[in-house]
Amino acid sequence: MKVLLIDVDSTIPNLALMKISAYHKARGDEVGFNISDPDKIYASVIFKKNAHAVDGLRFYYPDAEIDIGGSGYDLEKKLPDEINEMVPDYDLYPDCDTYYGFTTRGCIRNCYFCIVRKKEGKFRRLYDTVDEMWDHIIPPGMRKFDKVTFLDNNILADKQWFLQLARDLDYRRYGYKVDFNQGLDIRLVDDEIAEALSKLKPINDWKFAFDDISYKDDVLRGIEILNRHIKVRNTCIFYIYTHGDEQYEDAVARMRILKEHDATPYVMLNMDAPKTPRLRALKRWSRPWLFWTIDIDDYVGGGTLKMMKSRGMIE
């Protein structure tokens, strides 16, 4: 069988497609991104705005069996168990230098803007032991990369599991560099968790979120705890989710709170909402070199924005 894979919009190697590739290679099928005259096609769409990118597949490949999935296309669709249990085929992405996988699914939160609870359900572990987890992420006997990225949506919701995993990353597994791609829940941080983080080697900054002003006190408490173990300003970023222009003032307030406590924000705009001029300015202001030198009112209202545009410093 000839199997064509289509990665519409993944920003990192697509774990589902890597597992599909491993499954079909094990069956002796020809599989990849450049397969002509395929018998079967798998397409993955991560972002809803790109759902129509696959509309023409049935026209171009009338004789092929077509299977389309991904959170941007169908939230309820899941990989069959026999595929989901495969160790990913990292050779599918020649430039890949990182292991990827989930250790938990779901989330204990139910944020109004988030699809996780609808897609994955309640929070749960996927494995009974850390050793079992490693066997599903890294091919047996393989030591190809020195980095691992976990895709869990709220791994701190199971503190003991996180601490077990952190100990493995720190000591027994050769000190892998690590990233928790979906971020860590600042409301669940305590001294044990912060100390565990301090012993790990981050691929990128540790990612947290300050998505709502209502949990300001939890954010500030978390920052205080983290600062006892790591330098927050140098090692962490805080996502500032902004659902639309109506949340502009709220986002500014959250960012100023972070600034007062020496923490760096990263503005995340709702992809489906119009990008108004002040939301675009908010996004630009979150660049560290701007954020730490000027307030947004001075940036937008004091002529700084016009000056930077005229000099070609920003678009």
C-alpha atoms as a PDB file:
ATOM      1  CA  MET A   1       0.000   0.000   0.000  1.00  0.00           C
ATOM      2  CA  LYS A   2       1.141   3.535  -0.760  1.00  0.00           C
ATOM      3  CA  VAL A   3       0.323   6.021   2.031  1.00  0.00           C
ATOM      4  CA  LEU A   4       0.551   9.782   1.654  1.00  0.00           C
ATOM      5  CA  LEU A   5       0.817  11.940   4.790  1.00  0.00           C
ATOM      6  CA  ILE A   6      -0.171  15.628   4.734  1.00  0.00           C
ATOM      7  CA  ASP A   7       0.898  17.942   7.553  1.00  0.00           C
ATOM      8  CA  VAL A   8      -1.199  21.041   6.919  1.00  0.00           C
ATOM      9  CA  ASP A   9      -0.040  23.377   9.663  1.00  0.00           C
ATOM     10  CA  SER A  10       1.900  21.780  12.519  1.00  0.00           C
ATOM     11  CA  THR A  11       4.425  24.109  14.120  1.00  0.00           C
ATOM     12  CA  ILE A  12       6.362  21.140  15.543  1.00  0.00           C
ATOM     13  CA  PRO A  13       6.726  17.563  14.232  1.00  0.00           C
ATOM     14  CA  ASN A  14       3.233  16.085  14.140  1.00  0.00           C
ATOM     15  CA  LEU A  15       3.043  13.272  16.694  1.00  0.00           C
ATOM     16  CA  ALA A  16      -0.064  11.669  15.184  1.00  0.00           C
ATOM     17  CA  LEU A  17       1.511  11.496  11.725  1.00  0.00           C
ATOM     18  CA  MET A  18       4.709  10.060  13.194  1.00  0.00           C
ATOM     19  CA  LYS A  19       2.688   7.274  14.817  1.00  0.00           C
ATOM     20  CA  ILE A  20       0.736   6.646  11.613  1.00  0.00           C
ATOM     21  CA  SER A  21       4.031   6.443   9.722  1.00  0.00           C
ATOM     22  CA  ALA A  22       5.438   3.936  12.232  1.00  0.00           C
ATOM     23  CA  TYR A  23       2.301   1.799  11.961  1.00  0.00           C
ATOM     24  CA  HIS A  24       2.362   1.599   8.167  1.00  0.00           C
ATOM     25  CA  LYS A  25       6.117   1.046   7.963  1.00  0.00           C
ATOM     26  CA  ALA A  26       5.694  -1.901  10.340  1.00  0.00           C
ATOM     27  CA  ARG A  27       3.165  -3.318   7.865  1.00  0.00           C
ATOM     28  CA  GLY A  28       5.615  -2.933   4.987  1.00  0.00           C
ATOM     29  CA  ASP A  29       3.755  -0.036   3.354  1.00  0.00           C
ATOM     30  CA  GLU A  30       5.377   2.830   1.475  1.00  0.00           C
ATOM     31  CA  VAL A  31       4.640   5.946   3.502  1.00  0.00           C
ATOM     32  CA  GLY A  32       5.734   9.582   3.565  1.00  0.00           C
ATOM     33  CA  PHE A  33       5.046  13.178   2.539  1.00  0.00           C
ATOM     34  CA  ASN A  34       6.002  12.725  -1.124  1.00  0.00           C
ATOM     35  CA  ILE A  35       4.084   9.659  -2.230  1.00  0.00           C
ATOM     36  CA  SER A  36       2.562   9.708  -5.723  1.00  0.00           C
ATOM     37  CA  ASP A  37      -0.641   7.856  -6.641  1.00  0.00           C
ATOM     38  CA  PRO A  38      -1.440   6.977  -3.009  1.00  0.00           C
ATOM     39  CA  ASP A  39      -3.920   4.302  -1.984  1.00  0.00           C
ATOM     40  CA  LYS A  40      -4.552   6.051   1.329  1.00  0.00           C
ATOM     41  CA  ILE A  41      -4.120   9.608   2.590  1.00  0.00           C
ATOM     42  CA  TYR A  42      -3.904  10.896   6.148  1.00  0.00           C
ATOM     43  CA  ALA A  43      -4.150  14.679   6.601  1.00  0.00           C
ATOM     44  CA  SER A  44      -3.760  16.568   9.879  1.00  0.00           C
ATOM     45  CA  VAL A  45      -5.172  20.060  10.529  1.00  0.00           C
ATOM     46  CA  ILE A  46      -4.192  21.648  13.843  1.00  0.00           C
ATOM     47  CA  PHE A  47      -5.748  25.110  13.491  1.00  0.00           C
ATOM     48  CA  LYS A  48      -9.415  25.674  12.697  1.00  0.00           C
ATOM     49  CA  LYS A  49      -8.635  28.531  10.317  1.00  0.00           C
ATOM     50  CA  ASN A  50      -6.939  26.011   7.998  1.00  0.00           C
ATOM     51  CA  ALA A  51      -9.765  23.450   7.866  1.00  0.00           C
ATOM     52  CA  HIS A  52     -10.601  24.296   4.253  1.00  0.00           C
ATOM     53  CA  ALA A  53      -7.041  23.571   3.130  1.00  0.00           C
ATOM     54  CA  VAL A  54      -8.027  19.918   2.715  1.00  0.00           C
ATOM     55  CA  ASP A  55     -11.281  20.525   0.809  1.00  0.00           C
ATOM     56  CA  GLY A  56      -9.768  19.582  -2.543  1.00  0.00           C
ATOM     57  CA  LEU A  57      -8.217  16.270  -1.548  1.00  0.00           C
ATOM     58  CA  ARG A  58     -11.121  14.167  -2.774  1.00  0.00           C
ATOM     59  CA  PHE A  59     -10.982  15.974  -6.114  1.00  0.00           C
ATOM     60  CA  TYR A  60      -7.232  15.480  -6.591  1.00  0.00           C
ATOM     61  CA  TYR A  61      -7.212  11.897  -5.297  1.00  0.00           C
ATOM     62  CA  PRO A  62     -10.589  10.386  -6.301  1.00  0.00           C
ATOM     63  CA  ASP A  63      -9.374   6.800  -5.951  1.00  0.00           C
ATOM     64  CA  ALA A  64      -7.650   7.126  -2.582  1.00  0.00           C
ATOM     65  CA  GLU A  65      -9.089   6.457   0.855  1.00  0.00           C
ATOM     66  CA  ILE A  66      -8.856   9.765   2.723  1.00  0.00           C
ATOM     67  CA  ASP A  67      -8.664  10.151   6.505  1.00  0.00           C
ATOM     68  CA  ILE A  68      -8.625  13.713   7.891  1.00  0.00           C
ATOM     69  CA  GLY A  69      -8.098  14.540  11.555  1.00  0.00           C
ATOM     70  CA  GLY A  70      -6.598  17.051  13.934  1.00  0.00           C
ATOM     71  CA  SER A  71      -8.070  19.513  16.435  1.00  0.00           C
ATOM     72  CA  GLY A  72      -8.649  22.090  13.687  1.00  0.00           C
ATOM     73  CA  TYR A  73     -10.847  19.682  11.736  1.00  0.00           C
ATOM     74  CA  ASP A  74     -12.570  17.265  14.123  1.00  0.00           C
ATOM     75  CA  LEU A  75     -12.250  17.541  17.912  1.00  0.00           C
ATOM     76  CA  GLU A  76     -13.782  14.142  18.545  1.00  0.00           C
ATOM     77  CA  LYS A  77     -11.637  12.091  16.187  1.00  0.00           C
ATOM     78  CA  LYS A  78      -8.965   9.889  17.751  1.00  0.00           C
ATOM     79  CA  LEU A  79      -6.276   7.575  16.441  1.00  0.00           C
ATOM     80  CA  PRO A  80      -7.158   3.876  16.550  1.00  0.00           C
ATOM     81  CA  ASP A  81      -5.554   2.152  19.545  1.00  0.00           C
ATOM     82  CA  GLU A  82      -3.245   0.063  17.373  1.00  0.00           C
ATOM     83  CA  ILE A  83      -1.794   3.263  15.883  1.00  0.00           C
ATOM     84  CA  ASN A  84      -1.801   5.363  19.044  1.00  0.00           C
ATOM     85  CA  GLU A  85       0.291   2.738  20.845  1.00  0.00           C
ATOM     86  CA  MET A  86       3.093   2.935  18.263  1.00  0.00           C
ATOM     87  CA  VAL A  87       6.442   4.511  19.089  1.00  0.00           C
ATOM     88  CA  PRO A  88       6.720   7.617  16.851  1.00  0.00           C
ATOM     89  CA  ASP A  89       8.678   7.429  13.603  1.00  0.00           C
ATOM     90  CA  TYR A  90      11.138  10.289  14.094  1.00  0.00           C
ATOM     91  CA  ASP A  91      12.664   9.675  10.658  1.00  0.00           C
ATOM     92  CA  LEU A  92       9.508  11.171   9.139  1.00  0.00           C
ATOM     93  CA  TYR A  93      10.897  14.637   9.952  1.00  0.00           C
ATOM     94  CA  PRO A  94      14.599  14.590   8.960  1.00  0.00           C
ATOM     95  CA  ASP A  95      15.325  17.787  10.895  1.00  0.00           C
ATOM     96  CA  CYS A  96      13.676  16.552  14.085  1.00  0.00           C
ATOM     97  CA  ASP A  97      16.070  16.593  17.055  1.00  0.00           C
ATOM     98  CA  THR A  98      13.599  16.060  19.898  1.00  0.00           C
ATOM     99  CA  TYR A  99      11.467  13.239  21.288  1.00  0.00           C
ATOM    100  CA  TYR A 100       7.734  14.021  21.644  1.00  0.00           C
ATOM    101  CA  GLY A 101       4.912  12.502  23.638  1.00  0.00           C
ATOM    102  CA  PHE A 102       2.061  12.744  26.119  1.00  0.00           C
ATOM    103  CA  THR A 103       2.225  11.317  29.630  1.00  0.00           C
ATOM    104  CA  THR A 104      -1.224  12.559  30.668  1.00  0.00           C
ATOM    105  CA  ARG A 105      -4.367  13.664  28.880  1.00  0.00           C
ATOM    106  CA  GLY A 106      -7.103  16.125  29.743  1.00  0.00           C
ATOM    107  CA  CYS A 107      -7.094  18.962  32.251  1.00  0.00           C
ATOM    108  CA  ILE A 108      -8.563  19.794  35.655  1.00  0.00           C
ATOM    109  CA  ARG A 109      -9.496  23.280  34.396  1.00  0.00           C
ATOM    110  CA  ASN A 110     -12.310  24.198  32.033  1.00  0.00           C
ATOM    111  CA  CYS A 111     -11.287  27.564  30.585  1.00  0.00           C
ATOM    112  CA  TYR A 112     -13.914  29.080  28.304  1.00  0.00           C
ATOM    113  CA  PHE A 113     -11.478  29.529  25.408  1.00  0.00           C
ATOM    114  CA  CYS A 114      -9.823  26.100  25.604  1.00  0.00           C
ATOM    115  CA  ILE A 115     -10.739  22.959  23.656  1.00  0.00           C
ATOM    116  CA  VAL A 116      -8.852  20.478  25.831  1.00  0.00           C
ATOM    117  CA  ARG A 117     -11.748  19.285  27.997  1.00  0.00           C
ATOM    118  CA  LYS A 118     -13.949  18.835  24.949  1.00  0.00           C
ATOM    119  CA  LYS A 119     -11.228  17.040  23.018  1.00  0.00           C
ATOM    120  CA  GLU A 120      -9.556  14.967  25.731  1.00  0.00           C
ATOM    121  CA  GLY A 121     -11.960  14.861  28.675  1.00  0.00           C
ATOM    122  CA  LYS A 122     -10.988  14.815  32.328  1.00  0.00           C
ATOM    123  CA  PHE A 123      -7.407  14.650  33.499  1.00  0.00           C
ATOM    124  CA  ARG A 124      -5.788  11.214  33.699  1.00  0.00           C
ATOM    125  CA  ARG A 125      -2.433   9.456  33.521  1.00  0.00           C
ATOM    126  CA  LEU A 126      -1.652   7.437  30.424  1.00  0.00           C
ATOM    127  CA  TYR A 127       0.904   5.109  32.013  1.00  0.00           C
ATOM    128  CA  ASP A 128       1.310   3.225  35.270  1.00  0.00           C
ATOM    129  CA  THR A 129       5.062   3.808  35.477  1.00  0.00           C
ATOM    130  CA  VAL A 130       7.636   6.226  34.099  1.00  0.00           C
ATOM    131  CA  ASP A 131       9.494   3.312  32.483  1.00  0.00           C
ATOM    132  CA  GLU A 132       6.356   2.342  30.555  1.00  0.00           C
ATOM    133  CA  MET A 133       5.998   5.946  29.410  1.00  0.00           C
ATOM    134  CA  TRP A 134       9.571   6.087  28.085  1.00  0.00           C
ATOM    135  CA  ASP A 135       9.022   2.907  26.088  1.00  0.00           C
ATOM    136  CA  HIS A 136       6.179   4.631  24.194  1.00  0.00           C
ATOM    137  CA  ILE A 137       8.100   7.843  23.451  1.00  0.00           C
ATOM    138  CA  ILE A 138      11.637   6.697  22.675  1.00  0.00           C
ATOM    139  CA  PRO A 139      12.324   3.696  20.424  1.00  0.00           C
ATOM    140  CA  PRO A 140      13.946   0.862  22.448  1.00  0.00           C
ATOM    141  CA  GLY A 141      17.730   1.187  22.512  1.00  0.00           C
ATOM    142  CA  MET A 142      17.616   4.551  20.770  1.00  0.00           C
ATOM    143  CA  ARG A 143      19.682   7.455  22.083  1.00  0.00           C
ATOM    144  CA  LYS A 144      19.488   9.746  19.072  1.00  0.00           C
ATOM    145  CA  PHE A 145      18.445  13.052  20.644  1.00  0.00           C
ATOM    146  CA  ASP A 146      19.238  14.853  23.891  1.00  0.00           C
ATOM    147  CA  LYS A 147      15.909  16.712  24.072  1.00  0.00           C
ATOM    148  CA  VAL A 148      12.354  15.670  24.939  1.00  0.00           C
ATOM    149  CA  THR A 149       9.156  17.731  24.675  1.00  0.00           C
ATOM    150  CA  PHE A 150       6.060  16.727  26.613  1.00  0.00           C
ATOM    151  CA  LEU A 151       2.717  17.763  25.132  1.00  0.00           C
ATOM    152  CA  ASP A 152       0.617  17.317  28.300  1.00  0.00           C
ATOM    153  CA  ASN A 153      -1.955  20.036  28.840  1.00  0.00           C
ATOM    154  CA  ASN A 154      -1.628  20.222  32.626  1.00  0.00           C
ATOM    155  CA  ILE A 155       1.049  17.858  33.869  1.00  0.00           C
ATOM    156  CA  LEU A 156       1.221  19.522  37.309  1.00  0.00           C
ATOM    157  CA  ALA A 157      -2.316  18.319  38.022  1.00  0.00           C
ATOM    158  CA  ASP A 158      -0.674  15.052  39.125  1.00  0.00           C
ATOM    159  CA  LYS A 159       2.128  16.334  41.340  1.00  0.00           C
ATOM    160  CA  GLN A 160       3.613  12.965  42.245  1.00  0.00           C
ATOM    161  CA  TRP A 161       3.715  11.892  38.602  1.00  0.00           C
ATOM    162  CA  PHE A 162       5.464  15.138  37.666  1.00  0.00           C
ATOM    163  CA  LEU A 163       8.032  14.690  40.453  1.00  0.00           C
ATOM    164  CA  GLN A 164       8.721  11.105  39.332  1.00  0.00           C
ATOM    165  CA  LEU A 165       9.220  12.290  35.769  1.00  0.00           C
ATOM    166  CA  ALA A 166      11.423  15.195  36.876  1.00  0.00           C
ATOM    167  CA  ARG A 167      13.642  12.850  38.893  1.00  0.00           C
ATOM    168  CA  ASP A 168      14.045  10.623  35.856  1.00  0.00           C
ATOM    169  CA  LEU A 169      14.960  13.571  33.647  1.00  0.00           C
ATOM    170  CA  ASP A 170      17.367  14.934  36.225  1.00  0.00           C
ATOM    171  CA  TYR A 171      19.225  11.799  37.230  1.00  0.00           C
ATOM    172  CA  ARG A 172      18.631   8.480  35.494  1.00  0.00           C
ATOM    173  CA  ARG A 173      17.955   9.516  31.891  1.00  0.00           C
ATOM    174  CA  TYR A 174      21.243  11.277  31.178  1.00  0.00           C
ATOM    175  CA  GLY A 175      19.963  14.780  31.793  1.00  0.00           C
ATOM    176  CA  TYR A 176      17.689  15.307  28.801  1.00  0.00           C
ATOM    177  CA  LYS A 177      16.883  18.918  28.007  1.00  0.00           C
ATOM    178  CA  VAL A 178      13.121  19.240  28.433  1.00  0.00           C
ATOM    179  CA  ASP A 179      10.167  21.384  27.447  1.00  0.00           C
ATOM    180  CA  PHE A 180       6.562  21.254  28.607  1.00  0.00           C
ATOM    181  CA  ASN A 181       5.100  22.544  25.371  1.00  0.00           C
ATOM    182  CA  GLN A 182       1.625  23.451  26.616  1.00  0.00           C
ATOM    183  CA  GLY A 183       2.926  25.229  29.693  1.00  0.00           C
ATOM    184  CA  LEU A 184       2.735  24.667  33.437  1.00  0.00           C
ATOM    185  CA  ASP A 185      -0.125  25.696  35.738  1.00  0.00           C
ATOM    186  CA  ILE A 186       1.189  28.482  37.993  1.00  0.00           C
ATOM    187  CA  ARG A 187      -1.677  27.859  40.414  1.00  0.00           C
ATOM    188  CA  LEU A 188      -0.292  24.408  41.221  1.00  0.00           C
ATOM    189  CA  VAL A 189       3.324  25.415  41.795  1.00  0.00           C
ATOM    190  CA  ASP A 190       4.765  24.736  45.241  1.00  0.00           C
ATOM    191  CA  ASP A 191       8.312  24.544  46.592  1.00  0.00           C
ATOM    192  CA  GLU A 192       8.752  20.867  45.668  1.00  0.00           C
ATOM    193  CA  ILE A 193       7.726  21.520  42.070  1.00  0.00           C
ATOM    194  CA  ALA A 194       9.852  24.668  41.808  1.00  0.00           C
ATOM    195  CA  GLU A 195      12.876  22.843  43.216  1.00  0.00           C
ATOM    196  CA  ALA A 196      12.358  20.020  40.699  1.00  0.00           C
ATOM    197  CA  LEU A 197      12.245  22.555  37.849  1.00  0.00           C
ATOM    198  CA  SER A 198      15.474  24.117  39.070  1.00  0.00           C
ATOM    199  CA  LYS A 199      17.271  20.789  38.488  1.00  0.00           C
ATOM    200  CA  LEU A 200      16.067  20.368  34.903  1.00  0.00           C
ATOM    201  CA  LYS A 201      17.640  21.691  31.709  1.00  0.00           C
ATOM    202  CA  PRO A 202      14.988  23.694  29.816  1.00  0.00           C
ATOM    203  CA  ILE A 203      14.956  23.736  26.015  1.00  0.00           C
ATOM    204  CA  ASN A 204      13.092  27.046  26.140  1.00  0.00           C
ATOM    205  CA  ASP A 205      11.827  29.297  28.909  1.00  0.00           C
ATOM    206  CA  TRP A 206       9.424  27.628  31.333  1.00  0.00           C
ATOM    207  CA  LYS A 207       5.923  28.609  30.211  1.00  0.00           C
ATOM    208  CA  PHE A 208       3.118  29.631  32.560  1.00  0.00           C
ATOM    209  CA  ALA A 209      -0.151  31.483  31.981  1.00  0.00           C
ATOM    210  CA  PHE A 210      -1.875  34.523  33.462  1.00  0.00           C
ATOM    211  CA  ASP A 211      -5.077  34.207  31.451  1.00  0.00           C
ATOM    212  CA  ASP A 212      -7.477  35.877  33.856  1.00  0.00           C
ATOM    213  CA  ILE A 213      -7.120  38.680  36.395  1.00  0.00           C
ATOM    214  CA  SER A 214      -9.239  36.634  38.834  1.00  0.00           C
ATOM    215  CA  TYR A 215      -6.273  34.473  39.818  1.00  0.00           C
ATOM    216  CA  LYS A 216      -3.809  37.324  40.253  1.00  0.00           C
ATOM    217  CA  ASP A 217      -3.022  36.273  43.831  1.00  0.00           C
ATOM    218  CA  ASP A 218      -2.192  32.727  42.713  1.00  0.00           C
ATOM    219  CA  VAL A 219       0.122  34.076  40.010  1.00  0.00           C
ATOM    220  CA  LEU A 220       1.957  36.319  42.455  1.00  0.00           C
ATOM    221  CA  ARG A 221       2.246  33.493  44.984  1.00  0.00           C
ATOM    222  CA  GLY A 222       3.634  31.233  42.249  1.00  0.00           C
ATOM    223  CA  ILE A 223       6.169  33.837  41.153  1.00  0.00           C
ATOM    224  CA  GLU A 224       7.331  34.245  44.747  1.00  0.00           C
ATOM    225  CA  ILE A 225       7.803  30.470  45.103  1.00  0.00           C
ATOM    226  CA  LEU A 226       9.603  30.151  41.780  1.00  0.00           C
ATOM    227  CA  ASN A 227      11.976  32.977  42.638  1.00  0.00           C
ATOM    228  CA  ARG A 228      13.161  31.021  45.649  1.00  0.00           C
ATOM    229  CA  HIS A 229      14.536  28.381  43.280  1.00  0.00           C
ATOM    230  CA  ILE A 230      15.020  29.945  39.825  1.00  0.00           C
ATOM    231  CA  LYS A 231      15.303  33.460  38.434  1.00  0.00           C
ATOM    232  CA  VAL A 232      11.820  34.048  37.000  1.00  0.00           C
ATOM    233  CA  ARG A 233      12.710  36.975  34.767  1.00  0.00           C
ATOM    234  CA  ASN A 234      15.510  35.029  33.067  1.00  0.00           C
ATOM    235  CA  THR A 235      13.897  31.589  32.821  1.00  0.00           C
ATOM    236  CA  CYS A 236      10.091  32.009  32.566  1.00  0.00           C
ATOM    237  CA  ILE A 237       7.440  33.600  30.372  1.00  0.00           C
ATOM    238  CA  PHE A 238       3.772  34.145  31.193  1.00  0.00           C
ATOM    239  CA  TYR A 239       1.155  33.825  28.475  1.00  0.00           C
ATOM    240  CA  ILE A 240      -1.332  36.700  28.398  1.00  0.00           C
ATOM    241  CA  TYR A 241      -4.308  35.319  26.491  1.00  0.00           C
ATOM    242  CA  THR A 242      -6.502  38.002  24.930  1.00  0.00           C
ATOM    243  CA  HIS A 243      -9.801  36.764  23.534  1.00  0.00           C
ATOM    244  CA  GLY A 244     -10.614  39.970  21.663  1.00  0.00           C
ATOM    245  CA  ASP A 245     -10.377  43.751  21.708  1.00  0.00           C
ATOM    246  CA  GLU A 246     -12.768  43.872  24.656  1.00  0.00           C
ATOM    247  CA  GLN A 247     -10.019  42.346  26.817  1.00  0.00           C
ATOM    248  CA  TYR A 248      -7.382  44.911  25.918  1.00  0.00           C
ATOM    249  CA  GLU A 249      -7.500  46.808  29.219  1.00  0.00           C
ATOM    250  CA  ASP A 250      -7.562  43.564  31.185  1.00  0.00           C
ATOM    251  CA  ALA A 251      -4.504  42.285  29.299  1.00  0.00           C
ATOM    252  CA  VAL A 252      -2.639  45.546  29.926  1.00  0.00           C
ATOM    253  CA  ALA A 253      -3.448  45.276  33.645  1.00  0.00           C
ATOM    254  CA  ARG A 254      -2.109  41.704  33.774  1.00  0.00           C
ATOM    255  CA  MET A 255       1.064  42.698  31.962  1.00  0.00           C
ATOM    256  CA  ARG A 256       1.685  45.619  34.300  1.00  0.00           C
ATOM    257  CA  ILE A 257       1.258  43.310  37.284  1.00  0.00           C
ATOM    258  CA  LEU A 258       3.888  41.007  35.831  1.00  0.00           C
ATOM    259  CA  LYS A 259       6.201  43.943  35.218  1.00  0.00           C
ATOM    260  CA  GLU A 260       5.875  45.046  38.849  1.00  0.00           C
ATOM    261  CA  HIS A 261       6.995  41.565  39.887  1.00  0.00           C
ATOM    262  CA  ASP A 262       9.864  41.223  37.399  1.00  0.00           C
ATOM    263  CA  ALA A 263       8.148  38.617  35.204  1.00  0.00           C
ATOM    264  CA  THR A 264       8.027  38.575  31.404  1.00  0.00           C
ATOM    265  CA  PRO A 265       4.724  38.329  29.466  1.00  0.00           C
ATOM    266  CA  TYR A 266       3.989  36.824  26.078  1.00  0.00           C
ATOM    267  CA  VAL A 267       0.767  38.006  24.443  1.00  0.00           C
ATOM    268  CA  MET A 268      -1.358  35.323  22.779  1.00  0.00           C
ATOM    269  CA  LEU A 269      -4.184  36.653  20.603  1.00  0.00           C
ATOM    270  CA  ASN A 270      -7.288  34.676  19.733  1.00  0.00           C
ATOM    271  CA  MET A 271      -6.724  33.474  16.158  1.00  0.00           C
ATOM    272  CA  ASP A 272     -10.415  33.784  15.327  1.00  0.00           C
ATOM    273  CA  ALA A 273     -10.835  37.379  16.561  1.00  0.00           C
ATOM    274  CA  PRO A 274     -10.094  40.529  14.504  1.00  0.00           C
ATOM    275  CA  LYS A 275      -6.618  41.943  15.135  1.00  0.00           C
ATOM    276  CA  THR A 276      -7.474  45.549  15.982  1.00  0.00           C
ATOM    277  CA  PRO A 277      -4.752  48.241  15.957  1.00  0.00           C
ATOM    278  CA  ARG A 278      -4.468  48.288  19.723  1.00  0.00           C
ATOM    279  CA  LEU A 279      -4.247  44.484  19.927  1.00  0.00           C
ATOM    280  CA  ARG A 280      -1.443  44.577  17.384  1.00  0.00           C
ATOM    281  CA  ALA A 281       0.245  47.268  19.480  1.00  0.00           C
ATOM    282  CA  LEU A 282      -0.232  45.127  22.591  1.00  0.00           C
ATOM    283  CA  LYS A 283       1.464  42.207  20.856  1.00  0.00           C
ATOM    284  CA  ARG A 284       4.393  44.387  19.799  1.00  0.00           C
ATOM    285  CA  TRP A 285       4.727  45.887  23.279  1.00  0.00           C
ATOM    286  CA  SER A 286       5.207  42.401  24.732  1.00  0.00           C
ATOM    287  CA  ARG A 287       8.582  42.127  23.009  1.00  0.00           C
ATOM    288  CA  PRO A 288      10.994  42.147  25.969  1.00  0.00           C
ATOM    289  CA  TRP A 289      13.172  44.988  24.700  1.00  0.00           C
ATOM    290  CA  LEU A 290      10.065  47.206  24.519  1.00  0.00           C
ATOM    291  CA  PHE A 291       8.214  45.872  27.532  1.00  0.00           C
ATOM    292  CA  TRP A 292      11.063  46.495  29.945  1.00  0.00           C
ATOM    293  CA  THR A 293      11.849  50.013  28.687  1.00  0.00           C
ATOM    294  CA  ILE A 294       8.498  51.728  28.150  1.00  0.00           C
ATOM    295  CA  ASP A 295       4.871  51.569  29.279  1.00  0.00           C
ATOM    296  CA  ILE A 296       2.275  50.838  26.635  1.00  0.00           C
ATOM    297  CA  ASP A 297       0.578  54.227  27.074  1.00  0.00           C
ATOM    298  CA  ASP A 298       3.850  55.968  26.278  1.00  0.00           C
ATOM    299  CA  TYR A 299       4.533  53.522  23.447  1.00  0.00           C
ATOM    300  CA  VAL A 300       1.159  54.050  21.758  1.00  0.00           C
ATOM    301  CA  GLY A 301       0.327  57.619  22.728  1.00  0.00           C
ATOM    302  CA  GLY A 302       3.676  59.342  22.945  1.00  0.00           C
ATOM    303  CA  GLY A 303       4.689  59.172  19.317  1.00  0.00           C
ATOM    304  CA  THR A 304       7.033  56.212  19.820  1.00  0.00           C
ATOM    305  CA  LEU A 305       4.923  53.972  17.621  1.00  0.00           C
ATOM    306  CA  LYS A 306       4.847  56.480  14.750  1.00  0.00           C
ATOM    307  CA  MET A 307       8.576  57.086  15.035  1.00  0.00           C
ATOM    308  CA  MET A 308       9.388  53.355  14.903  1.00  0.00           C
ATOM    309  CA  LYS A 309       7.124  52.868  11.878  1.00  0.00           C
ATOM    310  CA  SER A 310       8.688  55.794  10.029  1.00  0.00           C
ATOM    311  CA  ARG A 311      12.163  54.343  10.611  1.00  0.00           C
ATOM    312  CA  GLY A 312      11.103  50.886   9.447  1.00  0.00           C
ATOM    313  CA  MET A 313      11.751  49.388  12.902  1.00  0.00           C
ATOM    314  CA  ILE A 314       8.275  47.791  12.905  1.00  0.00           C
ATOM    315  CA  GLU A 315       5.601  47.233  10.272  1.00  0.00           C
END
